[in-house]
Amino acid sequence: MNKKAISPLIATVLLIVVAVALIAIVLSWGKSFTTQGLSETGNVVDTTCTGATITIPSCSVKDGNIIFYVTNNSSTYDFATSDNFVFDVTSDTGVYNADNNLSTYTSEAWAGLSTGATVQVSASLTTLAVTGNSYDVAVRSSICSSDAVYTFKNCHS
């Protein structure tokens, strides 16, 4: 029997050609996969609340009421009437009252919060069932809850 094997040089060249072909196939698939994935991520990011910020410029306790002001500090975002802001009050004694609807306690009918506008909020500490000497007030937008959030620390008379 006369058996002949391929030379080591030809075997090495064939292995390199197969490896390069596999690499080209994987890279081609990877490019289309990542391009498609990146084009779909544009729909994931919600930019409707970009620039939505609020502050509480002042807060005080007077005659059993906690009185604070909420200001729309953004330059481009108007909070709609449908945006039901909520606030939490925590006393220095650890008593906590959460998720109070801001529009229930505003000095005038809730009409949203336009750019630069300020609204006064007054809530009875008895109604909130919170007792203490100083209070932290946290306000957040129900629509832009990760952007429009502010906490006023140590509100007292």
Protein backbone atom coordinates (compact mmCIF):
# COMPACT_ATOMS: atom_id res chain seq x y z
CA MET A 1 0.00 0.00 0.00
CA ASN A 2 1.18 3.33 -1.00
CA LYS A 3 -0.11 6.04 1.40
CA LYS A 4 0.77 9.65 1.04
CA ALA A 5 0.05 12.37 3.61
CA ILE A 6 -0.25 16.07 2.95
CA SER A 7 2.81 18.06 3.71
CA PRO A 8 2.97 19.98 7.02
CA LEU A 9 3.23 23.25 5.10
CA ILE A 10 -0.03 22.66 3.21
CA ALA A 11 -1.77 21.56 6.46
CA THR A 12 -0.69 24.76 8.19
CA VAL A 13 -1.92 26.92 5.30
CA LEU A 14 -5.31 25.09 5.29
CA LEU A 15 -5.70 25.60 9.06
CA ILE A 16 -4.95 29.31 8.71
CA VAL A 17 -7.47 29.69 5.85
CA VAL A 18 -10.21 27.90 7.87
CA ALA A 19 -9.45 30.03 10.97
CA VAL A 20 -9.57 33.28 8.98
CA ALA A 21 -12.88 32.23 7.38
CA LEU A 22 -14.40 31.46 10.82
CA ILE A 23 -13.18 34.78 12.21
CA ALA A 24 -14.72 36.64 9.24
CA ILE A 25 -18.07 34.89 9.78
CA VAL A 26 -18.12 35.67 13.53
CA LEU A 27 -17.13 39.32 13.00
CA SER A 28 -19.78 39.79 10.32
CA TRP A 29 -22.48 38.35 12.60
CA GLY A 30 -21.22 40.38 15.59
CA LYS A 31 -21.31 43.63 13.64
CA SER A 32 -24.92 43.17 12.52
CA PHE A 33 -25.92 42.02 16.01
CA THR A 34 -24.45 45.06 17.77
CA THR A 35 -25.68 47.52 15.13
CA GLN A 36 -29.23 46.22 15.51
CA GLY A 37 -28.97 46.25 19.33
CA LEU A 38 -27.66 49.82 19.40
CA SER A 39 -30.39 51.08 17.08
CA GLU A 40 -33.04 49.65 19.43
CA THR A 41 -31.56 51.32 22.52
CA GLY A 42 -32.63 54.73 21.29
CA ASN A 43 -36.18 53.80 22.25
CA VAL A 44 -35.19 52.79 25.79
CA VAL A 45 -34.01 56.18 27.06
CA ASP A 46 -36.85 58.43 28.19
CA THR A 47 -35.93 62.07 27.69
CA THR A 48 -39.32 63.60 28.53
CA CYS A 49 -38.11 64.75 31.95
CA THR A 50 -34.74 66.10 30.89
CA GLY A 51 -34.11 69.31 32.79
CA ALA A 52 -37.01 68.83 35.23
CA THR A 53 -35.82 70.10 38.61
CA ILE A 54 -37.48 71.49 41.72
CA THR A 55 -36.31 73.11 44.94
CA ILE A 56 -37.77 73.99 48.30
CA PRO A 57 -36.32 77.45 48.93
CA SER A 58 -37.89 77.82 52.37
CA CYS A 59 -39.68 75.82 55.02
CA SER A 60 -41.00 76.67 58.48
CA VAL A 61 -43.28 75.43 61.23
CA LYS A 62 -45.88 77.87 62.53
CA ASP A 63 -49.01 77.35 64.64
CA GLY A 64 -48.90 73.57 64.19
CA ASN A 65 -48.55 73.77 60.42
CA ILE A 66 -45.58 72.96 58.26
CA ILE A 67 -45.32 75.58 55.52
CA PHE A 68 -42.99 75.19 52.56
CA TYR A 69 -42.62 76.46 49.03
CA VAL A 70 -41.90 74.36 45.93
CA THR A 71 -40.23 76.08 42.98
CA ASN A 72 -39.83 74.78 39.44
CA ASN A 73 -36.12 75.39 39.02
CA SER A 74 -35.81 74.13 35.45
CA SER A 75 -35.36 76.39 32.49
CA THR A 76 -37.24 74.27 29.97
CA TYR A 77 -39.71 71.94 31.70
CA ASP A 78 -43.28 72.78 32.74
CA PHE A 79 -45.00 70.38 35.14
CA ALA A 80 -48.55 69.68 33.96
CA THR A 81 -51.69 69.76 36.08
CA SER A 82 -51.75 65.96 35.80
CA ASP A 83 -48.37 65.72 37.58
CA ASN A 84 -49.48 64.99 41.13
CA PHE A 85 -46.52 65.91 43.27
CA VAL A 86 -46.26 64.05 46.55
CA PHE A 87 -44.41 64.92 49.72
CA ASP A 88 -43.11 63.02 52.73
CA VAL A 89 -42.52 64.45 56.19
CA THR A 90 -40.10 62.89 58.66
CA SER A 91 -39.66 64.30 62.17
CA ASP A 92 -36.54 64.31 64.30
CA THR A 93 -38.28 61.69 66.47
CA GLY A 94 -38.47 59.30 63.54
CA VAL A 95 -42.22 59.69 62.88
CA TYR A 96 -42.83 59.43 59.14
CA ASN A 97 -45.77 60.33 56.91
CA ALA A 98 -45.42 59.52 53.21
CA ASP A 99 -47.07 60.07 49.85
CA ASN A 100 -49.21 63.09 50.66
CA ASN A 101 -50.74 64.61 47.53
CA LEU A 102 -49.30 68.12 47.21
CA SER A 103 -52.38 69.55 45.48
CA THR A 104 -54.47 68.81 48.59
CA TYR A 105 -52.35 71.23 50.63
CA THR A 106 -51.59 74.06 48.17
CA SER A 107 -52.73 77.60 48.87
CA GLU A 108 -54.44 77.86 45.48
CA ALA A 109 -55.95 75.40 43.01
CA TRP A 110 -53.30 73.12 41.54
CA ALA A 111 -52.56 74.13 37.95
CA GLY A 112 -49.21 72.46 37.52
CA LEU A 113 -45.89 74.22 37.98
CA SER A 114 -44.58 76.26 35.07
CA THR A 115 -40.95 77.26 34.63
CA GLY A 116 -39.85 79.53 37.47
CA ALA A 117 -43.20 79.30 39.31
CA THR A 118 -43.51 78.71 43.05
CA VAL A 119 -46.40 77.19 44.98
CA GLN A 120 -47.02 77.43 48.73
CA VAL A 121 -47.88 74.27 50.65
CA SER A 122 -49.33 74.30 54.16
CA ALA A 123 -50.16 71.10 56.04
CA SER A 124 -51.30 70.56 59.60
CA LEU A 125 -48.84 68.43 61.54
CA THR A 126 -51.82 67.04 63.48
CA THR A 127 -53.49 65.92 60.24
CA LEU A 128 -50.20 64.38 59.10
CA ALA A 129 -49.84 62.74 62.54
CA VAL A 130 -46.21 63.80 62.76
CA THR A 131 -44.71 65.16 65.98
CA GLY A 132 -41.28 66.54 66.75
CA ASN A 133 -39.18 69.69 66.84
CA SER A 134 -37.70 69.65 63.33
CA TYR A 135 -38.77 67.98 60.12
CA ASP A 136 -37.36 66.85 56.79
CA VAL A 137 -39.67 67.48 53.84
CA ALA A 138 -39.13 65.51 50.62
CA VAL A 139 -41.08 66.45 47.47
CA ARG A 140 -41.11 64.51 44.22
CA SER A 141 -42.92 64.63 40.93
CA SER A 142 -45.13 61.64 40.15
CA ILE A 143 -44.17 61.79 36.46
CA CYS A 144 -40.49 62.77 36.74
CA SER A 145 -39.81 61.00 40.02
CA SER A 146 -36.11 60.43 39.39
CA ASP A 147 -35.39 63.95 38.11
CA ALA A 148 -37.70 66.28 40.04
CA VAL A 149 -36.91 65.38 43.65
CA TYR A 150 -35.86 67.64 46.49
CA THR A 151 -35.47 67.29 50.28
CA PHE A 152 -35.43 70.20 52.70
CA LYS A 153 -33.61 69.19 55.91
CA ASN A 154 -34.28 70.55 59.39
CA CYS A 155 -37.45 72.54 58.86
CA HIS A 156 -38.45 74.14 62.18
CA SER A 157 -40.11 77.18 63.75
